[in-house]
Amino acid sequence: MTTPPYQQQAQAAQPPSAPPQPPHQAPQHAPQPQGVPGAPGMPPTAPQQAPQQPGMQPQQPGMQAPQPGMPGGAPGMQGAPQQSYAPAPAGYTSPIPIRRTHLGHAIASEWTKIKSVRSTIWTLSVMAALVIGIGLLVASGTKDSDYSTTPTTIPGLFGTLLGQLCIVTLGVLVVSSEYGTGMIRTTFTASPQRSRVLTAKALVFFLVSFVTTTAALGLVALASTGMHSGAEVMEPTGKQMLGATVGAGLYVSLLGLLSLAVGSMLRHSAGAITAMLGVVLLPAILPAFLMMSSSLQTLGEKMQKYSSPNSLAALFQIDDELGTGWSQLGLLAGVTAAALIAAYALLEKRDV
């Protein structure tokens, strides 16, 4: 007897059933009865642990299971112990020594800066080359008779007139370069007392420029004195030698310190150098035009007397009419002190 077509379709739609098992066998995955305390007919048994999954480690005593959303629930961090940090004891002492900062630390920092910058080496080298090279060239090209009325220290003047421009440039760059690169923010962060920073810069620069300039002038003076000697040669006195070496070196160093103060106020290298070139060169050029007028002749003469070339010539004592040069040196020291006071005041008021 054939099955009708609609019954065949219904049988095909039904899923295949599991094969029947013998009635005397229990299902393979049926749960085993556990002992329940107090149940009749069942002895009390210890609860069995849940089967472990592959790759899972049993929890250790004292470890908490990771909760959802907690760091312990991240993959690979299940069952990680929670660390706790105990506070430091009351008598703890740091192994790092704590010291109060002072001006010596700022000076050491500025000395490291000024000796590690290439502009310092190049500027001082050019200045020494100009002073020593031009001085020795003049000393070797002159005769003994040329020093009958002037001391033998005169050759150092010609190189100093050009070498002072190098010190002026270096004085500006000591401060303005840090403003240009933004390093001044790091400097003031390490040393919040800004006046201490400016004082350290001024001291380090003044000592470096004074020692270098005085040493170069002393070498030229000794070399020129050794080249020219005799009865017709005017030997330099101790005062003339002091003015041609220490006095001239002090004048050039104060001029560089004035440049440092101007650089701190303007905070721009090109502008500060231009301003200082005007301070050095304008009093030497402008009097020639001022003395054309009778009403401005006195002003022109004073400006010419205290200009940089005439001040250095007075320190070398070329002519008695120019004086000894110490009055010009005192005026420059007063102007430099006033500029430094203004630089200190602006440094504390303005932001970096």
Protein backbone atom coordinates (compact mmCIF):
# COMPACT_ATOMS: atom_id res chain seq x y z
CA MET A 1 0.00 0.00 0.00
CA THR A 2 1.50 3.32 -1.03
CA THR A 3 1.71 6.37 1.22
CA PRO A 4 -0.18 9.37 0.05
CA PRO A 5 1.93 12.29 -1.16
CA TYR A 6 0.84 14.71 1.58
CA GLN A 7 1.99 12.26 4.28
CA GLN A 8 5.39 11.92 2.59
CA GLN A 9 5.89 15.71 2.71
CA ALA A 10 4.95 15.85 6.42
CA GLN A 11 7.40 13.09 7.30
CA ALA A 12 10.21 14.83 5.36
CA ALA A 13 9.64 18.09 7.26
CA GLN A 14 10.05 16.44 10.68
CA PRO A 15 13.65 16.29 12.10
CA PRO A 16 15.14 12.88 12.55
CA SER A 17 14.56 11.59 16.04
CA ALA A 18 17.24 10.06 18.23
CA PRO A 19 17.47 6.28 18.14
CA PRO A 20 15.57 4.63 20.93
CA GLN A 21 17.61 3.35 23.82
CA PRO A 22 17.00 0.16 25.73
CA PRO A 23 14.74 0.66 28.71
CA HIS A 24 17.23 -0.74 31.24
CA GLN A 25 20.01 1.85 30.43
CA ALA A 26 20.06 5.38 31.82
CA PRO A 27 20.81 8.37 29.58
CA GLN A 28 24.49 9.03 29.09
CA HIS A 29 24.33 12.70 30.16
CA ALA A 30 21.85 12.31 32.97
CA PRO A 31 23.05 14.06 36.18
CA GLN A 32 24.17 11.80 38.95
CA PRO A 33 22.21 12.11 42.20
CA GLN A 34 24.00 14.10 44.84
CA GLY A 35 23.73 13.39 48.48
CA VAL A 36 21.36 15.75 50.27
CA PRO A 37 21.64 15.86 54.01
CA GLY A 38 18.45 14.78 55.71
CA ALA A 39 16.93 13.09 52.66
CA PRO A 40 15.49 9.65 53.49
CA GLY A 41 17.47 6.79 52.14
CA MET A 42 20.37 8.86 50.96
CA PRO A 43 23.66 9.01 52.90
CA PRO A 44 25.24 12.48 53.31
CA THR A 45 28.06 12.99 50.86
CA ALA A 46 30.48 15.88 50.26
CA PRO A 47 29.48 18.30 47.49
CA GLN A 48 31.40 17.76 44.30
CA GLN A 49 33.27 20.61 42.65
CA ALA A 50 32.16 21.91 39.30
CA PRO A 51 34.05 20.45 36.39
CA GLN A 52 36.93 22.61 35.24
CA GLN A 53 36.98 23.96 31.72
CA PRO A 54 40.07 23.50 29.61
CA GLY A 55 42.55 26.38 30.06
CA MET A 56 41.05 27.47 33.39
CA GLN A 57 43.00 27.31 36.65
CA PRO A 58 41.33 26.78 39.98
CA GLN A 59 41.10 29.79 42.24
CA GLN A 60 43.61 30.01 45.03
CA PRO A 61 42.56 30.76 48.56
CA GLY A 62 42.30 34.50 49.18
CA MET A 63 41.72 35.37 45.51
CA GLN A 64 38.51 36.97 44.36
CA ALA A 65 36.80 36.05 41.19
CA PRO A 66 36.86 38.79 38.57
CA GLN A 67 33.69 40.80 38.34
CA PRO A 68 32.27 42.10 35.08
CA GLY A 69 33.53 45.60 34.27
CA MET A 70 36.45 45.36 36.69
CA PRO A 71 40.14 45.20 35.69
CA GLY A 72 40.27 41.60 36.86
CA GLY A 73 37.66 40.63 34.25
CA ALA A 74 39.89 41.49 31.32
CA PRO A 75 41.10 38.60 29.17
CA GLY A 76 44.20 37.04 30.57
CA MET A 77 43.76 38.76 33.94
CA GLN A 78 41.18 36.44 35.52
CA GLY A 79 41.89 35.69 39.12
CA ALA A 80 44.68 38.33 39.42
CA PRO A 81 45.31 39.37 43.04
CA GLN A 82 44.61 42.97 44.00
CA GLN A 83 47.78 44.73 45.22
CA SER A 84 47.68 47.22 48.03
CA TYR A 85 50.43 49.74 48.84
CA ALA A 86 51.20 50.52 52.42
CA PRO A 87 51.96 54.18 53.32
CA ALA A 88 55.56 55.17 54.01
CA PRO A 89 56.59 55.09 57.65
CA ALA A 90 56.54 58.35 59.58
CA GLY A 91 60.34 58.50 59.92
CA TYR A 92 61.12 58.04 56.20
CA THR A 93 64.05 60.05 54.85
CA SER A 94 64.62 60.51 51.11
CA PRO A 95 68.04 59.29 49.89
CA ILE A 96 68.22 62.31 47.54
CA PRO A 97 69.84 65.25 49.36
CA ILE A 98 67.68 68.36 49.55
CA ARG A 99 69.60 71.63 49.34
CA ARG A 100 68.57 75.25 49.26
CA THR A 101 69.51 76.92 46.00
CA HIS A 102 71.68 80.03 46.05
CA LEU A 103 73.52 82.35 43.70
CA GLY A 104 76.40 79.90 43.30
CA HIS A 105 74.11 77.37 41.63
CA ALA A 106 72.88 80.00 39.17
CA ILE A 107 76.46 81.06 38.40
CA ALA A 108 77.43 77.43 37.74
CA SER A 109 74.46 77.06 35.40
CA GLU A 110 75.27 80.23 33.45
CA TRP A 111 78.93 79.25 33.21
CA THR A 112 77.88 75.92 31.69
CA LYS A 113 75.70 77.75 29.18
CA ILE A 114 78.23 80.37 28.10
CA LYS A 115 81.08 77.91 27.64
CA SER A 116 78.99 75.35 25.73
CA VAL A 117 77.58 77.78 23.14
CA ARG A 118 79.50 78.12 19.89
CA SER A 119 78.79 81.84 19.58
CA THR A 120 80.85 82.49 22.73
CA ILE A 121 83.91 80.69 21.40
CA TRP A 122 83.68 82.31 17.97
CA THR A 123 83.03 85.83 19.27
CA LEU A 124 85.84 85.79 21.82
CA SER A 125 88.21 84.20 19.32
CA VAL A 126 87.52 86.90 16.74
CA MET A 127 87.95 89.62 19.37
CA ALA A 128 91.29 88.20 20.53
CA ALA A 129 92.44 87.78 16.93
CA LEU A 130 91.61 91.41 16.14
CA VAL A 131 93.27 92.84 19.25
CA ILE A 132 96.39 90.68 19.10
CA GLY A 133 96.71 90.49 15.31
CA ILE A 134 96.25 94.19 14.57
CA GLY A 135 98.33 95.17 17.61
CA LEU A 136 101.29 93.03 16.60
CA LEU A 137 100.97 94.19 13.00
CA VAL A 138 101.13 97.84 14.05
CA ALA A 139 104.00 97.18 16.46
CA SER A 140 106.05 95.42 13.81
CA GLY A 141 105.40 98.12 11.21
CA THR A 142 106.53 101.06 13.32
CA LYS A 143 110.00 102.32 14.25
CA ASP A 144 111.55 103.21 17.57
CA SER A 145 111.43 106.91 16.70
CA ASP A 146 107.64 106.74 16.49
CA TYR A 147 107.47 106.21 20.26
CA SER A 148 109.42 109.25 21.33
CA THR A 149 106.32 111.06 22.65
CA THR A 150 103.83 108.20 22.98
CA PRO A 151 104.09 105.00 25.03
CA THR A 152 104.73 101.66 23.38
CA THR A 153 101.30 100.38 24.46
CA ILE A 154 99.58 102.35 21.68
CA PRO A 155 99.37 99.41 19.17
CA GLY A 156 96.74 97.73 21.33
CA LEU A 157 94.31 100.61 20.75
CA PHE A 158 93.71 99.89 17.07
CA GLY A 159 92.62 96.33 17.59
CA THR A 160 90.46 97.28 20.58
CA LEU A 161 88.40 99.71 18.49
CA LEU A 162 87.21 96.76 16.40
CA GLY A 163 87.29 94.11 19.11
CA GLN A 164 84.79 96.01 21.28
CA LEU A 165 82.08 95.33 18.69
CA CYS A 166 82.52 91.59 19.28
CA ILE A 167 82.01 92.03 23.03
CA VAL A 168 78.91 94.14 22.37
CA THR A 169 77.47 91.40 20.19
CA LEU A 170 78.24 88.70 22.73
CA GLY A 171 76.66 90.70 25.55
CA VAL A 172 73.38 90.89 23.65
CA LEU A 173 73.39 87.22 22.69
CA VAL A 174 73.94 86.03 26.27
CA VAL A 175 70.35 87.07 27.09
CA SER A 176 68.44 87.48 23.84
CA SER A 177 69.35 84.05 22.45
CA GLU A 178 67.41 82.36 25.26
CA TYR A 179 64.36 84.47 24.50
CA GLY A 180 64.63 83.58 20.82
CA THR A 181 64.76 79.81 21.44
CA GLY A 182 62.32 79.77 24.38
CA MET A 183 64.99 78.37 26.71
CA ILE A 184 64.35 81.26 29.09
CA ARG A 185 61.12 79.54 30.23
CA THR A 186 63.10 76.50 31.34
CA THR A 187 65.64 78.74 33.05
CA PHE A 188 62.99 80.62 35.03
CA THR A 189 61.22 77.36 35.89
CA ALA A 190 64.41 75.94 37.37
CA SER A 191 65.21 79.25 39.09
CA PRO A 192 61.99 81.20 39.80
CA GLN A 193 63.98 84.14 41.21
CA ARG A 194 64.57 86.04 37.99
CA SER A 195 66.84 88.66 39.51
CA ARG A 196 69.22 85.87 40.55
CA VAL A 197 69.38 84.63 36.95
CA LEU A 198 70.17 88.07 35.56
CA THR A 199 72.79 88.65 38.26
CA ALA A 200 74.47 85.33 37.43
CA LYS A 201 74.49 86.16 33.72
CA ALA A 202 75.99 89.59 34.36
CA LEU A 203 78.74 88.27 36.64
CA VAL A 204 79.75 85.39 34.39
CA PHE A 205 79.77 87.50 31.23
CA PHE A 206 81.65 90.39 32.85
CA LEU A 207 84.38 88.12 34.20
CA VAL A 208 84.79 86.23 30.92
CA SER A 209 84.97 89.38 28.79
CA PHE A 210 87.25 91.24 31.23
CA VAL A 211 89.75 88.40 31.56
CA THR A 212 89.86 87.75 27.80
CA THR A 213 90.21 91.42 26.81
CA THR A 214 92.78 92.26 29.48
CA ALA A 215 94.86 89.21 28.62
CA ALA A 216 94.89 90.12 24.92
CA LEU A 217 95.82 93.75 25.65
CA GLY A 218 98.54 92.69 28.08
CA LEU A 219 100.07 90.38 25.48
CA VAL A 220 100.15 93.19 22.89
CA ALA A 221 101.64 95.65 25.39
CA LEU A 222 104.41 93.27 26.39
CA ALA A 223 105.18 92.36 22.78
CA SER A 224 105.28 95.99 21.64
CA THR A 225 107.48 96.99 24.58
CA GLY A 226 109.89 94.18 23.75
CA MET A 227 110.08 95.18 20.08
CA HIS A 228 110.84 98.84 20.74
CA SER A 229 113.41 99.85 23.30
CA GLY A 230 116.22 102.34 23.48
CA ALA A 231 117.07 105.85 24.53
CA GLU A 232 114.67 107.54 22.13
CA VAL A 233 111.73 105.31 23.09
CA MET A 234 109.27 106.52 25.72
CA GLU A 235 108.97 103.69 28.18
CA PRO A 236 105.40 103.30 29.56
CA THR A 237 104.92 104.08 33.22
CA GLY A 238 102.97 101.89 35.58
CA LYS A 239 99.92 104.17 35.26
CA GLN A 240 100.09 104.06 31.47
CA MET A 241 100.46 100.29 31.48
CA LEU A 242 97.51 99.95 33.88
CA GLY A 243 95.28 102.15 31.73
CA ALA A 244 96.25 100.36 28.49
CA THR A 245 95.49 96.91 29.91
CA VAL A 246 93.17 96.88 32.93
CA GLY A 247 91.49 100.22 32.15
CA ALA A 248 90.77 99.37 28.52
CA GLY A 249 89.65 95.86 29.42
CA LEU A 250 87.30 97.29 32.06
CA TYR A 251 85.85 99.79 29.58
CA VAL A 252 85.15 97.14 26.95
CA SER A 253 83.66 94.79 29.56
CA LEU A 254 81.33 97.53 30.88
CA LEU A 255 80.27 98.25 27.32
CA GLY A 256 79.41 94.55 26.92
CA LEU A 257 77.52 94.60 30.24
CA LEU A 258 75.50 97.55 28.96
CA SER A 259 74.69 95.46 25.90
CA LEU A 260 73.51 92.63 28.16
CA ALA A 261 71.12 95.02 29.95
CA VAL A 262 69.79 96.32 26.63
CA GLY A 263 69.31 92.76 25.38
CA SER A 264 67.35 91.89 28.52
CA MET A 265 65.07 94.88 28.01
CA LEU A 266 64.49 94.47 24.26
CA ARG A 267 64.52 90.62 24.19
CA HIS A 268 65.44 90.66 20.50
CA SER A 269 68.91 89.99 19.17
CA ALA A 270 68.83 92.08 16.02
CA GLY A 271 67.13 95.05 17.68
CA ALA A 272 69.46 95.07 20.69
CA ILE A 273 72.62 94.77 18.55
CA THR A 274 71.44 97.60 16.32
CA ALA A 275 70.71 99.78 19.33
CA MET A 276 74.14 99.14 20.82
CA LEU A 277 75.91 99.86 17.54
CA GLY A 278 74.16 103.22 17.59
CA VAL A 279 75.33 103.84 21.17
CA VAL A 280 78.94 103.05 20.20
CA LEU A 281 79.16 104.68 16.77
CA LEU A 282 76.73 107.61 16.95
CA PRO A 283 78.69 109.69 19.53
CA ALA A 284 81.77 109.37 17.32
CA ILE A 285 80.01 110.50 14.11
CA LEU A 286 77.38 112.99 15.26
CA PRO A 287 79.74 115.60 16.84
CA ALA A 288 81.16 116.44 13.42
CA PHE A 289 77.73 117.74 12.38
CA LEU A 290 76.88 119.32 15.75
CA MET A 291 80.02 121.47 15.84
CA MET A 292 79.01 123.13 12.58
CA SER A 293 76.56 125.18 14.62
CA SER A 294 77.86 127.56 17.26
CA SER A 295 74.90 126.83 19.56
CA LEU A 296 75.53 123.07 19.46
CA GLN A 297 79.32 123.19 19.49
CA THR A 298 79.59 122.62 23.25
CA LEU A 299 77.29 119.59 23.04
CA GLY A 300 79.31 118.21 20.15
CA GLU A 301 82.59 118.59 22.06
CA LYS A 302 81.23 116.82 25.15
CA MET A 303 79.81 114.02 23.04
CA GLN A 304 83.09 113.61 21.20
CA LYS A 305 85.06 113.55 24.46
CA TYR A 306 82.95 110.74 25.92
CA SER A 307 82.63 108.72 22.73
CA SER A 308 84.05 105.22 22.65
CA PRO A 309 87.13 105.93 20.44
CA ASN A 310 88.19 108.98 22.45
CA SER A 311 87.56 107.22 25.77
CA LEU A 312 89.82 104.33 24.77
CA ALA A 313 92.43 106.77 23.43
CA ALA A 314 92.38 108.58 26.78
CA LEU A 315 92.90 105.28 28.65
CA PHE A 316 95.92 104.58 26.41
CA GLN A 317 97.04 108.19 27.15
CA ILE A 318 97.81 109.22 23.61
CA ASP A 319 97.31 112.92 24.37
CA ASP A 320 97.25 114.79 27.66
CA GLU A 321 94.30 116.90 26.48
CA LEU A 322 92.03 113.83 26.50
CA GLY A 323 92.76 113.16 30.18
CA THR A 324 93.49 109.86 31.82
CA GLY A 325 90.24 108.22 30.71
CA TRP A 326 88.96 107.37 34.19
CA SER A 327 86.22 110.04 34.00
CA GLN A 328 84.93 108.43 30.79
CA LEU A 329 85.12 105.07 32.51
CA GLY A 330 83.08 106.39 35.45
CA LEU A 331 80.38 107.78 33.14
CA LEU A 332 80.07 104.45 31.35
CA ALA A 333 79.81 102.65 34.71
CA GLY A 334 76.95 104.96 35.76
CA VAL A 335 75.06 104.44 32.48
CA THR A 336 75.54 100.68 32.76
CA ALA A 337 74.23 100.63 36.34
CA ALA A 338 71.13 102.60 35.33
CA ALA A 339 70.47 100.23 32.44
CA LEU A 340 70.82 97.19 34.73
CA ILE A 341 68.34 98.68 37.23
CA ALA A 342 65.84 99.18 34.40
CA ALA A 343 66.45 95.61 33.21
CA TYR A 344 65.79 94.22 36.72
CA ALA A 345 62.56 96.19 37.01
CA LEU A 346 61.23 95.07 33.62
CA LEU A 347 62.27 91.48 34.21
CA GLU A 348 60.06 91.21 37.30
CA LYS A 349 57.03 92.92 35.74
CA ARG A 350 56.85 91.33 32.31
CA ASP A 351 55.92 87.76 31.46
CA VAL A 352 58.13 85.43 29.44
